[in-house]
Amino acid sequence: MSFAMMFLVMLAFLFAIFAFALILHHFLSKALPGKDAIVIDTPEEALERQE
């Protein structure tokens, strides 16, 4: 296999890995809220956030 072909295969694998990580990050950040989950709201503040 030539150097150019090996380089293209390596780029394809890197792209696949980073694309999978980006998609995984997207769905996990939607499913598991971050720092915002620690804040305890009053009922009024919770209603304001939903709007």
N, C-alpha and C. Protein backbone atom coordinates (compact mmCIF):
# COMPACT_ATOMS: atom_id res chain seq x y z
N MET A 1 0.86 -1.18 0.00
CA MET A 1 0.00 0.00 0.00
C MET A 1 0.90 1.24 0.00
N SER A 2 0.59 2.17 -0.83
CA SER A 2 1.42 3.37 -0.92
C SER A 2 1.18 4.28 0.28
N PHE A 3 2.10 5.23 0.42
CA PHE A 3 1.99 6.16 1.54
C PHE A 3 0.71 6.98 1.45
N ALA A 4 0.36 7.43 0.25
CA ALA A 4 -0.85 8.25 0.07
C ALA A 4 -2.10 7.46 0.47
N MET A 5 -2.15 6.20 0.10
CA MET A 5 -3.31 5.37 0.45
C MET A 5 -3.40 5.15 1.96
N MET A 6 -2.27 4.91 2.59
CA MET A 6 -2.28 4.74 4.04
C MET A 6 -2.69 6.03 4.74
N PHE A 7 -2.24 7.16 4.22
CA PHE A 7 -2.62 8.44 4.79
C PHE A 7 -4.12 8.68 4.66
N LEU A 8 -4.70 8.35 3.51
CA LEU A 8 -6.14 8.52 3.32
C LEU A 8 -6.94 7.59 4.22
N VAL A 9 -6.48 6.38 4.41
CA VAL A 9 -7.15 5.45 5.31
C VAL A 9 -7.09 5.96 6.74
N MET A 10 -5.93 6.48 7.14
CA MET A 10 -5.79 7.03 8.49
C MET A 10 -6.73 8.23 8.68
N LEU A 11 -6.82 9.10 7.68
CA LEU A 11 -7.74 10.24 7.77
C LEU A 11 -9.19 9.78 7.87
N ALA A 12 -9.55 8.75 7.14
CA ALA A 12 -10.91 8.24 7.20
C ALA A 12 -11.23 7.71 8.60
N PHE A 13 -10.28 6.97 9.20
CA PHE A 13 -10.50 6.46 10.56
C PHE A 13 -10.60 7.60 11.56
N LEU A 14 -9.72 8.60 11.44
CA LEU A 14 -9.78 9.73 12.36
C LEU A 14 -11.11 10.47 12.23
N PHE A 15 -11.56 10.66 11.01
CA PHE A 15 -12.84 11.33 10.80
C PHE A 15 -13.98 10.53 11.42
N ALA A 16 -13.97 9.22 11.25
CA ALA A 16 -15.02 8.38 11.81
C ALA A 16 -15.01 8.43 13.33
N ILE A 17 -13.83 8.41 13.94
CA ILE A 17 -13.73 8.46 15.39
C ILE A 17 -14.25 9.79 15.93
N PHE A 18 -13.80 10.90 15.31
CA PHE A 18 -14.24 12.20 15.79
C PHE A 18 -15.73 12.44 15.53
N ALA A 19 -16.25 11.95 14.43
CA ALA A 19 -17.68 12.10 14.15
C ALA A 19 -18.50 11.31 15.18
N PHE A 20 -18.06 10.11 15.51
CA PHE A 20 -18.77 9.31 16.51
C PHE A 20 -18.72 10.01 17.87
N ALA A 21 -17.56 10.57 18.23
CA ALA A 21 -17.43 11.26 19.51
C ALA A 21 -18.33 12.49 19.55
N LEU A 22 -18.42 13.21 18.44
CA LEU A 22 -19.27 14.40 18.40
C LEU A 22 -20.74 14.03 18.54
N ILE A 23 -21.17 12.99 17.86
CA ILE A 23 -22.57 12.55 17.96
C ILE A 23 -22.86 12.05 19.38
N LEU A 24 -21.94 11.29 19.95
CA LEU A 24 -22.11 10.79 21.31
C LEU A 24 -22.19 11.95 22.31
N HIS A 25 -21.33 12.94 22.14
CA HIS A 25 -21.34 14.11 23.02
C HIS A 25 -22.66 14.86 22.90
N HIS A 26 -23.16 14.98 21.69
CA HIS A 26 -24.41 15.70 21.48
C HIS A 26 -25.56 15.03 22.24
N PHE A 27 -25.70 13.72 22.07
CA PHE A 27 -26.82 13.04 22.72
C PHE A 27 -26.63 12.93 24.23
N LEU A 28 -25.40 12.75 24.70
CA LEU A 28 -25.18 12.68 26.14
C LEU A 28 -25.40 14.03 26.81
N SER A 29 -25.04 15.11 26.14
CA SER A 29 -25.25 16.43 26.74
C SER A 29 -26.74 16.76 26.80
N LYS A 30 -27.52 16.22 25.86
CA LYS A 30 -28.98 16.41 25.94
C LYS A 30 -29.58 15.57 27.06
N ALA A 31 -29.07 14.34 27.24
CA ALA A 31 -29.65 13.42 28.21
C ALA A 31 -29.21 13.73 29.64
N LEU A 32 -27.97 14.20 29.80
CA LEU A 32 -27.43 14.43 31.13
C LEU A 32 -27.07 15.90 31.27
N PRO A 33 -27.94 16.69 31.88
CA PRO A 33 -27.63 18.12 32.02
C PRO A 33 -26.42 18.33 32.93
N GLY A 34 -25.70 19.40 32.71
CA GLY A 34 -24.46 19.65 33.43
C GLY A 34 -24.66 20.43 34.71
N LYS A 35 -23.97 21.57 34.84
CA LYS A 35 -23.97 22.38 36.05
C LYS A 35 -25.37 22.89 36.39
N ASP A 36 -26.19 23.06 35.38
CA ASP A 36 -27.52 23.61 35.60
C ASP A 36 -28.38 22.70 36.48
N ALA A 37 -28.06 21.41 36.51
CA ALA A 37 -28.86 20.47 37.29
C ALA A 37 -28.64 20.64 38.79
N ILE A 38 -27.53 21.27 39.18
CA ILE A 38 -27.21 21.42 40.60
C ILE A 38 -28.05 22.53 41.23
N VAL A 39 -28.46 23.51 40.44
CA VAL A 39 -29.19 24.66 40.95
C VAL A 39 -30.58 24.24 41.39
N ILE A 40 -30.95 24.61 42.60
CA ILE A 40 -32.29 24.30 43.12
C ILE A 40 -33.15 25.55 42.97
N ASP A 41 -34.18 25.44 42.17
CA ASP A 41 -35.04 26.58 41.88
C ASP A 41 -36.23 26.61 42.83
N THR A 42 -36.74 27.80 43.02
CA THR A 42 -38.05 27.93 43.65
C THR A 42 -39.09 27.55 42.59
N PRO A 43 -40.29 27.24 42.96
CA PRO A 43 -41.30 26.88 41.95
C PRO A 43 -41.52 27.99 40.91
N GLU A 44 -41.40 29.24 41.32
CA GLU A 44 -41.59 30.34 40.37
C GLU A 44 -40.47 30.36 39.33
N GLU A 45 -39.21 30.17 39.79
CA GLU A 45 -38.09 30.16 38.86
C GLU A 45 -38.17 28.98 37.90
N ALA A 46 -38.63 27.86 38.40
CA ALA A 46 -38.77 26.68 37.54
C ALA A 46 -39.81 26.94 36.44
N LEU A 47 -40.90 27.60 36.77
CA LEU A 47 -41.89 27.93 35.75
C LEU A 47 -41.36 28.92 34.72
N GLU A 48 -40.53 29.87 35.17
CA GLU A 48 -39.94 30.83 34.24
C GLU A 48 -38.99 30.15 33.27
N ARG A 49 -38.25 29.16 33.73
CA ARG A 49 -37.31 28.46 32.86
C ARG A 49 -38.01 27.65 31.79
N GLN A 50 -39.18 27.11 32.10
CA GLN A 50 -39.89 26.28 31.14
C GLN A 50 -40.44 27.11 29.98
N GLU A 51 -40.64 28.39 30.19
CA GLU A 51 -41.22 29.23 29.14
C GLU A 51 -40.21 29.57 28.08
